[in-house]
Each structure stands twice: as C-alpha cells, then as structure tokens.
Amino acid sequence: MKILVIDNGGYGLTRLLRKHGWDVFCASESKDALETARRETGLVAVIVAERVDSRFMNRETLIRELGSLEKREFMVFTLSAADIVALPDLLAPLASSRN
C-alpha cells in the first residue's frame, strides 16, 4: 500500500505512516508531487499537508491538479496538524479494501 505525502518537513507524519505499515513516498514541492503521482502505480492515497512548497503552484491548485489526473486510483486527503493523530484511523478502510 503506497501513500504519497506532500509536506515541507513532515518527517513525523512519514514515520507515523510507516509505523502503521504503509509504503510512504515524500515530496515537499508541488511539482515533484505531481510527477510522483503520475509515475507511481498502486498509490491509494495522496496526503496534502498544510505546509507545501508553493514555488511551482499553490496548495489549492495542487489539490485540484491531483484530483484531475487521468486514471487516478487514489484518494486525495488534505491534512492539518490536528488531523495527524487520527490519520491511521482515516486510512484503515483503504488498507482493508485493498487486501
């Protein structure tokens, strides 16, 4: 199960997801994130955190672009710092549906 995390400095989030058995890809820049989302197969979720490097595009545009990718098989989540604690519970249905 693969997840792409888009966050400037979200290593705590990455560790949390890996602790729960997820294969995590990280990107801090929106351009890298879009390229990874297009390239990687088997992504079940893309998590867009509050802090995204917006030199290429802003957070809202990035979310729209991710949602409009052709052949998209993943869900797009937006995440605030307060949501991190509940994230494993939010993603649990994705894990069980893919097994």
PDB file of N, CA and C in Angstrom:
ATOM      1  N   MET A   1       0.834  -1.178   0.000  1.00  0.00           N
ATOM      2  CA  MET A   1       0.000   0.000   0.000  1.00  0.00           C
ATOM      3  C   MET A   1       0.877   1.238   0.000  1.00  0.00           C
ATOM      4  N   LYS A   2       0.707   2.064  -1.007  1.00  0.00           N
ATOM      5  CA  LYS A   2       1.554   3.242  -1.169  1.00  0.00           C
ATOM      6  C   LYS A   2       0.777   4.526  -0.902  1.00  0.00           C
ATOM      7  N   ILE A   3       1.455   5.425  -0.212  1.00  0.00           N
ATOM      8  CA  ILE A   3       0.909   6.747   0.067  1.00  0.00           C
ATOM      9  C   ILE A   3       1.959   7.782  -0.309  1.00  0.00           C
ATOM     10  N   LEU A   4       1.514   8.848  -0.947  1.00  0.00           N
ATOM     11  CA  LEU A   4       2.375   9.985  -1.234  1.00  0.00           C
ATOM     12  C   LEU A   4       2.029  11.081  -0.233  1.00  0.00           C
ATOM     13  N   VAL A   5       3.035  11.544   0.498  1.00  0.00           N
ATOM     14  CA  VAL A   5       2.852  12.632   1.469  1.00  0.00           C
ATOM     15  C   VAL A   5       3.521  13.879   0.903  1.00  0.00           C
ATOM     16  N   ILE A   6       2.735  14.940   0.799  1.00  0.00           N
ATOM     17  CA  ILE A   6       3.256  16.219   0.310  1.00  0.00           C
ATOM     18  C   ILE A   6       3.281  17.175   1.494  1.00  0.00           C
ATOM     19  N   ASP A   7       4.488  17.466   1.969  1.00  0.00           N
ATOM     20  CA  ASP A   7       4.631  18.246   3.193  1.00  0.00           C
ATOM     21  C   ASP A   7       6.049  18.784   3.274  1.00  0.00           C
ATOM     22  N   ASN A   8       6.198  20.017   3.658  1.00  0.00           N
ATOM     23  CA  ASN A   8       7.518  20.576   3.950  1.00  0.00           C
ATOM     24  C   ASN A   8       7.906  20.163   5.356  1.00  0.00           C
ATOM     25  N   GLY A   9       8.790  19.220   5.482  1.00  0.00           N
ATOM     26  CA  GLY A   9       9.290  18.836   6.797  1.00  0.00           C
ATOM     27  C   GLY A   9       8.371  17.925   7.576  1.00  0.00           C
ATOM     28  N   GLY A  10       7.598  17.091   6.898  1.00  0.00           N
ATOM     29  CA  GLY A  10       6.645  16.225   7.586  1.00  0.00           C
ATOM     30  C   GLY A  10       7.206  14.863   7.949  1.00  0.00           C
ATOM     31  N   TYR A  11       8.404  14.815   8.494  1.00  0.00           N
ATOM     32  CA  TYR A  11       9.021  13.530   8.796  1.00  0.00           C
ATOM     33  C   TYR A  11       8.291  12.784   9.902  1.00  0.00           C
ATOM     34  N   GLY A  12       7.675  13.499  10.826  1.00  0.00           N
ATOM     35  CA  GLY A  12       6.880  12.840  11.859  1.00  0.00           C
ATOM     36  C   GLY A  12       5.688  12.116  11.258  1.00  0.00           C
ATOM     37  N   LEU A  13       5.076  12.729  10.270  1.00  0.00           N
ATOM     38  CA  LEU A  13       3.956  12.117   9.562  1.00  0.00           C
ATOM     39  C   LEU A  13       4.417  10.869   8.809  1.00  0.00           C
ATOM     40  N   THR A  14       5.540  10.963   8.150  1.00  0.00           N
ATOM     41  CA  THR A  14       6.092   9.811   7.427  1.00  0.00           C
ATOM     42  C   THR A  14       6.380   8.661   8.380  1.00  0.00           C
ATOM     43  N   ARG A  15       7.006   8.953   9.509  1.00  0.00           N
ATOM     44  CA  ARG A  15       7.306   7.903  10.494  1.00  0.00           C
ATOM     45  C   ARG A  15       6.025   7.256  11.015  1.00  0.00           C
ATOM     46  N   LEU A  16       5.014   8.066  11.300  1.00  0.00           N
ATOM     47  CA  LEU A  16       3.741   7.547  11.788  1.00  0.00           C
ATOM     48  C   LEU A  16       3.125   6.583  10.781  1.00  0.00           C
ATOM     49  N   LEU A  17       3.111   6.962   9.523  1.00  0.00           N
ATOM     50  CA  LEU A  17       2.520   6.101   8.499  1.00  0.00           C
ATOM     51  C   LEU A  17       3.325   4.819   8.294  1.00  0.00           C
ATOM     52  N   ARG A  18       4.641   4.930   8.309  1.00  0.00           N
ATOM     53  CA  ARG A  18       5.477   3.733   8.161  1.00  0.00           C
ATOM     54  C   ARG A  18       5.306   2.802   9.357  1.00  0.00           C
ATOM     55  N   LYS A  19       5.128   3.373  10.523  1.00  0.00           N
ATOM     56  CA  LYS A  19       4.887   2.571  11.733  1.00  0.00           C
ATOM     57  C   LYS A  19       3.621   1.722  11.586  1.00  0.00           C
ATOM     58  N   HIS A  20       2.648   2.247  10.842  1.00  0.00           N
ATOM     59  CA  HIS A  20       1.390   1.530  10.619  1.00  0.00           C
ATOM     60  C   HIS A  20       1.414   0.684   9.346  1.00  0.00           C
ATOM     61  N   GLY A  21       2.608   0.486   8.783  1.00  0.00           N
ATOM     62  CA  GLY A  21       2.766  -0.449   7.679  1.00  0.00           C
ATOM     63  C   GLY A  21       2.577   0.095   6.276  1.00  0.00           C
ATOM     64  N   TRP A  22       2.532   1.406   6.116  1.00  0.00           N
ATOM     65  CA  TRP A  22       2.354   1.999   4.799  1.00  0.00           C
ATOM     66  C   TRP A  22       3.697   2.219   4.120  1.00  0.00           C
ATOM     67  N   ASP A  23       3.737   2.064   2.809  1.00  0.00           N
ATOM     68  CA  ASP A  23       4.896   2.390   1.985  1.00  0.00           C
ATOM     69  C   ASP A  23       4.739   3.858   1.601  1.00  0.00           C
ATOM     70  N   VAL A  24       5.606   4.722   2.109  1.00  0.00           N
ATOM     71  CA  VAL A  24       5.402   6.165   2.004  1.00  0.00           C
ATOM     72  C   VAL A  24       6.434   6.804   1.074  1.00  0.00           C
ATOM     73  N   PHE A  25       5.941   7.603   0.137  1.00  0.00           N
ATOM     74  CA  PHE A  25       6.763   8.465  -0.704  1.00  0.00           C
ATOM     75  C   PHE A  25       6.569   9.883  -0.197  1.00  0.00           C
ATOM     76  N   CYS A  26       7.629  10.676  -0.236  1.00  0.00           N
ATOM     77  CA  CYS A  26       7.544  12.051   0.274  1.00  0.00           C
ATOM     78  C   CYS A  26       7.903  13.044  -0.824  1.00  0.00           C
ATOM     79  N   ALA A  27       7.227  14.171  -0.800  1.00  0.00           N
ATOM     80  CA  ALA A  27       7.555  15.285  -1.686  1.00  0.00           C
ATOM     81  C   ALA A  27       7.265  16.570  -0.924  1.00  0.00           C
ATOM     82  N   SER A  28       8.143  17.536  -1.056  1.00  0.00           N
ATOM     83  CA  SER A  28       7.886  18.828  -0.408  1.00  0.00           C
ATOM     84  C   SER A  28       7.450  19.873  -1.425  1.00  0.00           C
ATOM     85  N   GLU A  29       7.788  19.670  -2.680  1.00  0.00           N
ATOM     86  CA  GLU A  29       7.436  20.627  -3.719  1.00  0.00           C
ATOM     87  C   GLU A  29       6.273  20.101  -4.545  1.00  0.00           C
ATOM     88  N   SER A  30       5.390  20.984  -4.924  1.00  0.00           N
ATOM     89  CA  SER A  30       4.208  20.583  -5.673  1.00  0.00           C
ATOM     90  C   SER A  30       4.563  19.946  -7.018  1.00  0.00           C
ATOM     91  N   LYS A  31       5.591  20.425  -7.686  1.00  0.00           N
ATOM     92  CA  LYS A  31       5.987  19.872  -8.984  1.00  0.00           C
ATOM     93  C   LYS A  31       6.430  18.417  -8.827  1.00  0.00           C
ATOM     94  N   ASP A  32       7.272  18.142  -7.830  1.00  0.00           N
ATOM     95  CA  ASP A  32       7.709  16.766  -7.568  1.00  0.00           C
ATOM     96  C   ASP A  32       6.527  15.873  -7.215  1.00  0.00           C
ATOM     97  N   ALA A  33       5.594  16.418  -6.467  1.00  0.00           N
ATOM     98  CA  ALA A  33       4.426  15.648  -6.043  1.00  0.00           C
ATOM     99  C   ALA A  33       3.586  15.225  -7.238  1.00  0.00           C
ATOM    100  N   LEU A  34       3.337  16.134  -8.148  1.00  0.00           N
ATOM    101  CA  LEU A  34       2.549  15.789  -9.338  1.00  0.00           C
ATOM    102  C   LEU A  34       3.251  14.747 -10.183  1.00  0.00           C
ATOM    103  N   GLU A  35       4.553  14.890 -10.344  1.00  0.00           N
ATOM    104  CA  GLU A  35       5.314  13.914 -11.126  1.00  0.00           C
ATOM    105  C   GLU A  35       5.257  12.534 -10.474  1.00  0.00           C
ATOM    106  N   THR A  36       5.400  12.491  -9.162  1.00  0.00           N
ATOM    107  CA  THR A  36       5.330  11.216  -8.440  1.00  0.00           C
ATOM    108  C   THR A  36       3.943  10.605  -8.554  1.00  0.00           C
ATOM    109  N   ALA A  37       2.902  11.405  -8.411  1.00  0.00           N
ATOM    110  CA  ALA A  37       1.527  10.903  -8.506  1.00  0.00           C
ATOM    111  C   ALA A  37       1.241  10.348  -9.895  1.00  0.00           C
ATOM    112  N   ARG A  38       1.795  10.945 -10.913  1.00  0.00           N
ATOM    113  CA  ARG A  38       1.612  10.446 -12.284  1.00  0.00           C
ATOM    114  C   ARG A  38       2.387   9.154 -12.515  1.00  0.00           C
ATOM    115  N   ARG A  39       3.576   9.065 -11.958  1.00  0.00           N
ATOM    116  CA  ARG A  39       4.507   7.967 -12.236  1.00  0.00           C
ATOM    117  C   ARG A  39       4.221   6.704 -11.428  1.00  0.00           C
ATOM    118  N   GLU A  40       3.927   6.865 -10.152  1.00  0.00           N
ATOM    119  CA  GLU A  40       3.799   5.711  -9.269  1.00  0.00           C
ATOM    120  C   GLU A  40       2.488   4.964  -9.505  1.00  0.00           C
ATOM    121  N   THR A  41       2.577   3.667  -9.588  1.00  0.00           N
ATOM    122  CA  THR A  41       1.372   2.850  -9.672  1.00  0.00           C
ATOM    123  C   THR A  41       1.094   2.286  -8.285  1.00  0.00           C
ATOM    124  N   GLY A  42      -0.137   2.035  -7.990  1.00  0.00           N
ATOM    125  CA  GLY A  42      -0.503   1.446  -6.715  1.00  0.00           C
ATOM    126  C   GLY A  42      -0.691   2.436  -5.582  1.00  0.00           C
ATOM    127  N   LEU A  43      -0.676   3.734  -5.882  1.00  0.00           N
ATOM    128  CA  LEU A  43      -0.950   4.721  -4.830  1.00  0.00           C
ATOM    129  C   LEU A  43      -2.405   4.603  -4.407  1.00  0.00           C
ATOM    130  N   VAL A  44      -2.649   4.547  -3.105  1.00  0.00           N
ATOM    131  CA  VAL A  44      -4.028   4.515  -2.619  1.00  0.00           C
ATOM    132  C   VAL A  44      -4.444   5.865  -2.041  1.00  0.00           C
ATOM    133  N   ALA A  45      -3.468   6.688  -1.665  1.00  0.00           N
ATOM    134  CA  ALA A  45      -3.793   7.983  -1.086  1.00  0.00           C
ATOM    135  C   ALA A  45      -2.667   8.973  -1.336  1.00  0.00           C
ATOM    136  N   VAL A  46      -3.067  10.222  -1.494  1.00  0.00           N
ATOM    137  CA  VAL A  46      -2.129  11.343  -1.534  1.00  0.00           C
ATOM    138  C   VAL A  46      -2.574  12.282  -0.425  1.00  0.00           C
ATOM    139  N   ILE A  47      -1.661  12.574   0.474  1.00  0.00           N
ATOM    140  CA  ILE A  47      -1.963  13.446   1.608  1.00  0.00           C
ATOM    141  C   ILE A  47      -1.267  14.780   1.384  1.00  0.00           C
ATOM    142  N   VAL A  48      -2.054  15.831   1.330  1.00  0.00           N
ATOM    143  CA  VAL A  48      -1.521  17.180   1.142  1.00  0.00           C
ATOM    144  C   VAL A  48      -1.606  17.887   2.491  1.00  0.00           C
ATOM    145  N   ALA A  49      -0.457  18.114   3.096  1.00  0.00           N
ATOM    146  CA  ALA A  49      -0.405  18.750   4.411  1.00  0.00           C
ATOM    147  C   ALA A  49      -0.529  20.266   4.280  1.00  0.00           C
ATOM    148  N   GLU A  50      -0.548  20.928   5.413  1.00  0.00           N
ATOM    149  CA  GLU A  50      -0.675  22.395   5.426  1.00  0.00           C
ATOM    150  C   GLU A  50       0.536  23.085   4.810  1.00  0.00           C
ATOM    151  N   ARG A  51       1.718  22.534   5.056  1.00  0.00           N
ATOM    152  CA  ARG A  51       2.941  23.189   4.591  1.00  0.00           C
ATOM    153  C   ARG A  51       3.423  22.526   3.305  1.00  0.00           C
ATOM    154  N   VAL A  52       3.165  23.192   2.187  1.00  0.00           N
ATOM    155  CA  VAL A  52       3.610  22.712   0.881  1.00  0.00           C
ATOM    156  C   VAL A  52       4.413  23.822   0.229  1.00  0.00           C
ATOM    157  N   ASP A  53       5.557  23.471  -0.332  1.00  0.00           N
ATOM    158  CA  ASP A  53       6.378  24.449  -1.037  1.00  0.00           C
ATOM    159  C   ASP A  53       5.607  24.892  -2.284  1.00  0.00           C
ATOM    160  N   SER A  54       5.279  26.158  -2.359  1.00  0.00           N
ATOM    161  CA  SER A  54       4.391  26.637  -3.415  1.00  0.00           C
ATOM    162  C   SER A  54       5.105  27.448  -4.494  1.00  0.00           C
ATOM    163  N   ARG A  55       6.374  27.206  -4.702  1.00  0.00           N
ATOM    164  CA  ARG A  55       7.070  27.927  -5.764  1.00  0.00           C
ATOM    165  C   ARG A  55       6.513  27.561  -7.139  1.00  0.00           C
ATOM    166  N   PHE A  56       6.094  26.339  -7.318  1.00  0.00           N
ATOM    167  CA  PHE A  56       5.564  25.874  -8.600  1.00  0.00           C
ATOM    168  C   PHE A  56       4.064  26.150  -8.710  1.00  0.00           C
ATOM    169  N   MET A  57       3.312  25.835  -7.669  1.00  0.00           N
ATOM    170  CA  MET A  57       1.876  26.135  -7.625  1.00  0.00           C
ATOM    171  C   MET A  57       1.426  26.145  -6.178  1.00  0.00           C
ATOM    172  N   ASN A  58       0.338  26.833  -5.887  1.00  0.00           N
ATOM    173  CA  ASN A  58      -0.131  26.899  -4.508  1.00  0.00           C
ATOM    174  C   ASN A  58      -0.870  25.612  -4.120  1.00  0.00           C
ATOM    175  N   ARG A  59      -1.133  25.473  -2.853  1.00  0.00           N
ATOM    176  CA  ARG A  59      -1.722  24.245  -2.303  1.00  0.00           C
ATOM    177  C   ARG A  59      -3.077  23.926  -2.933  1.00  0.00           C
ATOM    178  N   GLU A  60      -3.928  24.909  -3.093  1.00  0.00           N
ATOM    179  CA  GLU A  60      -5.262  24.691  -3.647  1.00  0.00           C
ATOM    180  C   GLU A  60      -5.192  24.216  -5.094  1.00  0.00           C
ATOM    181  N   THR A  61      -4.292  24.812  -5.877  1.00  0.00           N
ATOM    182  CA  THR A  61      -4.123  24.390  -7.275  1.00  0.00           C
ATOM    183  C   THR A  61      -3.572  22.970  -7.328  1.00  0.00           C
ATOM    184  N   LEU A  62      -2.636  22.662  -6.465  1.00  0.00           N
ATOM    185  CA  LEU A  62      -2.078  21.310  -6.407  1.00  0.00           C
ATOM    186  C   LEU A  62      -3.178  20.284  -6.121  1.00  0.00           C
ATOM    187  N   ILE A  63      -4.042  20.575  -5.187  1.00  0.00           N
ATOM    188  CA  ILE A  63      -5.133  19.651  -4.854  1.00  0.00           C
ATOM    189  C   ILE A  63      -6.038  19.446  -6.070  1.00  0.00           C
ATOM    190  N   ARG A  64      -6.370  20.514  -6.769  1.00  0.00           N
ATOM    191  CA  ARG A  64      -7.194  20.397  -7.985  1.00  0.00           C
ATOM    192  C   ARG A  64      -6.489  19.566  -9.052  1.00  0.00           C
ATOM    193  N   GLU A  65      -5.203  19.813  -9.257  1.00  0.00           N
ATOM    194  CA  GLU A  65      -4.439  19.070 -10.264  1.00  0.00           C
ATOM    195  C   GLU A  65      -4.374  17.578  -9.929  1.00  0.00           C
ATOM    196  N   LEU A  66      -4.148  17.262  -8.677  1.00  0.00           N
ATOM    197  CA  LEU A  66      -4.115  15.855  -8.268  1.00  0.00           C
ATOM    198  C   LEU A  66      -5.460  15.184  -8.527  1.00  0.00           C
ATOM    199  N   GLY A  67      -6.531  15.898  -8.223  1.00  0.00           N
ATOM    200  CA  GLY A  67      -7.868  15.343  -8.417  1.00  0.00           C
ATOM    201  C   GLY A  67      -8.237  15.144  -9.872  1.00  0.00           C
ATOM    202  N   SER A  68      -7.566  15.851 -10.777  1.00  0.00           N
ATOM    203  CA  SER A  68      -7.920  15.744 -12.184  1.00  0.00           C
ATOM    204  C   SER A  68      -6.982  14.856 -12.991  1.00  0.00           C
ATOM    205  N   LEU A  69      -6.033  14.208 -12.352  1.00  0.00           N
ATOM    206  CA  LEU A  69      -5.125  13.334 -13.089  1.00  0.00           C
ATOM    207  C   LEU A  69      -5.895  12.191 -13.750  1.00  0.00           C
ATOM    208  N   GLU A  70      -5.523  11.872 -14.987  1.00  0.00           N
ATOM    209  CA  GLU A  70      -6.152  10.760 -15.682  1.00  0.00           C
ATOM    210  C   GLU A  70      -5.781   9.447 -15.003  1.00  0.00           C
ATOM    211  N   LYS A  71      -6.713   8.518 -15.032  1.00  0.00           N
ATOM    212  CA  LYS A  71      -6.508   7.180 -14.471  1.00  0.00           C
ATOM    213  C   LYS A  71      -6.115   7.230 -12.999  1.00  0.00           C
ATOM    214  N   ARG A  72      -6.626   8.208 -12.285  1.00  0.00           N
ATOM    215  CA  ARG A  72      -6.318   8.355 -10.862  1.00  0.00           C
ATOM    216  C   ARG A  72      -7.025   7.247 -10.092  1.00  0.00           C
ATOM    217  N   GLU A  73      -6.274   6.510  -9.297  1.00  0.00           N
ATOM    218  CA  GLU A  73      -6.833   5.436  -8.493  1.00  0.00           C
ATOM    219  C   GLU A  73      -6.660   5.697  -7.000  1.00  0.00           C
ATOM    220  N   PHE A  74      -6.261   6.899  -6.643  1.00  0.00           N
ATOM    221  CA  PHE A  74      -6.001   7.220  -5.246  1.00  0.00           C
ATOM    222  C   PHE A  74      -6.963   8.288  -4.757  1.00  0.00           C
ATOM    223  N   MET A  75      -7.112   8.340  -3.444  1.00  0.00           N
ATOM    224  CA  MET A  75      -7.898   9.395  -2.809  1.00  0.00           C
ATOM    225  C   MET A  75      -6.960  10.527  -2.424  1.00  0.00           C
ATOM    226  N   VAL A  76      -7.452  11.750  -2.460  1.00  0.00           N
ATOM    227  CA  VAL A  76      -6.664  12.917  -2.061  1.00  0.00           C
ATOM    228  C   VAL A  76      -7.208  13.405  -0.724  1.00  0.00           C
ATOM    229  N   PHE A  77      -6.318  13.485   0.267  1.00  0.00           N
ATOM    230  CA  PHE A  77      -6.677  13.975   1.599  1.00  0.00           C
ATOM    231  C   PHE A  77      -5.968  15.292   1.840  1.00  0.00           C
ATOM    232  N   THR A  78      -6.646  16.246   2.438  1.00  0.00           N
ATOM    233  CA  THR A  78      -5.979  17.452   2.928  1.00  0.00           C
ATOM    234  C   THR A  78      -5.850  17.287   4.433  1.00  0.00           C
ATOM    235  N   LEU A  79      -4.772  17.789   4.962  1.00  0.00           N
ATOM    236  CA  LEU A  79      -4.441  17.473   6.342  1.00  0.00           C
ATOM    237  C   LEU A  79      -3.956  18.706   7.082  1.00  0.00           C
ATOM    238  N   SER A  80      -4.506  18.917   8.259  1.00  0.00           N
ATOM    239  CA  SER A  80      -3.988  19.957   9.145  1.00  0.00           C
ATOM    240  C   SER A  80      -3.201  19.250  10.251  1.00  0.00           C
ATOM    241  N   ALA A  81      -2.455  20.008  11.000  1.00  0.00           N
ATOM    242  CA  ALA A  81      -1.654  19.418  12.073  1.00  0.00           C
ATOM    243  C   ALA A  81      -2.522  18.650  13.067  1.00  0.00           C
ATOM    244  N   ALA A  82      -3.720  19.140  13.316  1.00  0.00           N
ATOM    245  CA  ALA A  82      -4.615  18.480  14.274  1.00  0.00           C
ATOM    246  C   ALA A  82      -5.119  17.127  13.766  1.00  0.00           C
ATOM    247  N   ASP A  83      -5.118  16.927  12.449  1.00  0.00           N
ATOM    248  CA  ASP A  83      -5.629  15.683  11.867  1.00  0.00           C
ATOM    249  C   ASP A  83      -4.640  14.520  11.944  1.00  0.00           C
ATOM    250  N   ILE A  84      -3.386  14.810  12.196  1.00  0.00           N
ATOM    251  CA  ILE A  84      -2.352  13.777  12.124  1.00  0.00           C
ATOM    252  C   ILE A  84      -2.629  12.618  13.072  1.00  0.00           C
ATOM    253  N   VAL A  85      -3.094  12.898  14.263  1.00  0.00           N
ATOM    254  CA  VAL A  85      -3.338  11.848  15.248  1.00  0.00           C
ATOM    255  C   VAL A  85      -4.390  10.856  14.743  1.00  0.00           C
ATOM    256  N   ALA A  86      -5.396  11.331  14.039  1.00  0.00           N
ATOM    257  CA  ALA A  86      -6.485  10.474  13.561  1.00  0.00           C
ATOM    258  C   ALA A  86      -6.181   9.815  12.220  1.00  0.00           C
ATOM    259  N   LEU A  87      -5.075  10.136  11.601  1.00  0.00           N
ATOM    260  CA  LEU A  87      -4.791   9.655  10.260  1.00  0.00           C
ATOM    261  C   LEU A  87      -4.790   8.133  10.115  1.00  0.00           C
ATOM    262  N   PRO A  88      -4.146   7.380  10.993  1.00  0.00           N
ATOM    263  CA  PRO A  88      -4.197   5.927  10.821  1.00  0.00           C
ATOM    264  C   PRO A  88      -5.630   5.376  10.787  1.00  0.00           C
ATOM    265  N   ASP A  89      -6.518   5.941  11.589  1.00  0.00           N
ATOM    266  CA  ASP A  89      -7.913   5.505  11.577  1.00  0.00           C
ATOM    267  C   ASP A  89      -8.607   5.892  10.276  1.00  0.00           C
ATOM    268  N   LEU A  90      -8.279   7.068   9.748  1.00  0.00           N
ATOM    269  CA  LEU A  90      -8.873   7.509   8.484  1.00  0.00           C
ATOM    270  C   LEU A  90      -8.447   6.626   7.321  1.00  0.00           C
ATOM    271  N   LEU A  91      -7.208   6.135   7.368  1.00  0.00           N
ATOM    272  CA  LEU A  91      -6.680   5.329   6.271  1.00  0.00           C
ATOM    273  C   LEU A  91      -6.985   3.839   6.404  1.00  0.00           C
ATOM    274  N   ALA A  92      -7.432   3.400   7.565  1.00  0.00           N
ATOM    275  CA  ALA A  92      -7.688   1.975   7.802  1.00  0.00           C
ATOM    276  C   ALA A  92      -8.634   1.361   6.763  1.00  0.00           C
ATOM    277  N   PRO A  93      -9.722   2.025   6.377  1.00  0.00           N
ATOM    278  CA  PRO A  93     -10.588   1.418   5.351  1.00  0.00           C
ATOM    279  C   PRO A  93      -9.890   1.192   4.011  1.00  0.00           C
ATOM    280  N   LEU A  94      -8.950   2.054   3.659  1.00  0.00           N
ATOM    281  CA  LEU A  94      -8.202   1.857   2.419  1.00  0.00           C
ATOM    282  C   LEU A  94      -7.368   0.591   2.483  1.00  0.00           C
ATOM    283  N   ALA A  95      -6.746   0.360   3.625  1.00  0.00           N
ATOM    284  CA  ALA A  95      -5.914  -0.833   3.788  1.00  0.00           C
ATOM    285  C   ALA A  95      -6.764  -2.087   3.707  1.00  0.00           C
ATOM    286  N   SER A  96      -7.898  -2.089   4.349  1.00  0.00           N
ATOM    287  CA  SER A  96      -8.733  -3.290   4.352  1.00  0.00           C
ATOM    288  C   SER A  96      -9.389  -3.526   2.997  1.00  0.00           C
ATOM    289  N   SER A  97      -9.678  -2.477   2.235  1.00  0.00           N
ATOM    290  CA  SER A  97     -10.300  -2.660   0.926  1.00  0.00           C
ATOM    291  C   SER A  97      -9.317  -3.169  -0.110  1.00  0.00           C
ATOM    292  N   ARG A  98      -8.031  -2.963   0.096  1.00  0.00           N
ATOM    293  CA  ARG A  98      -7.016  -3.413  -0.866  1.00  0.00           C
ATOM    294  C   ARG A  98      -6.520  -4.825  -0.580  1.00  0.00           C
ATOM    295  N   ASN A  99      -6.828  -5.353   0.601  1.00  0.00           N
ATOM    296  CA  ASN A  99      -6.347  -6.703   0.953  1.00  0.00           C
ATOM    297  C   ASN A  99      -7.202  -7.764   0.333  1.00  0.00           C
TER     298      ASN A  99
END
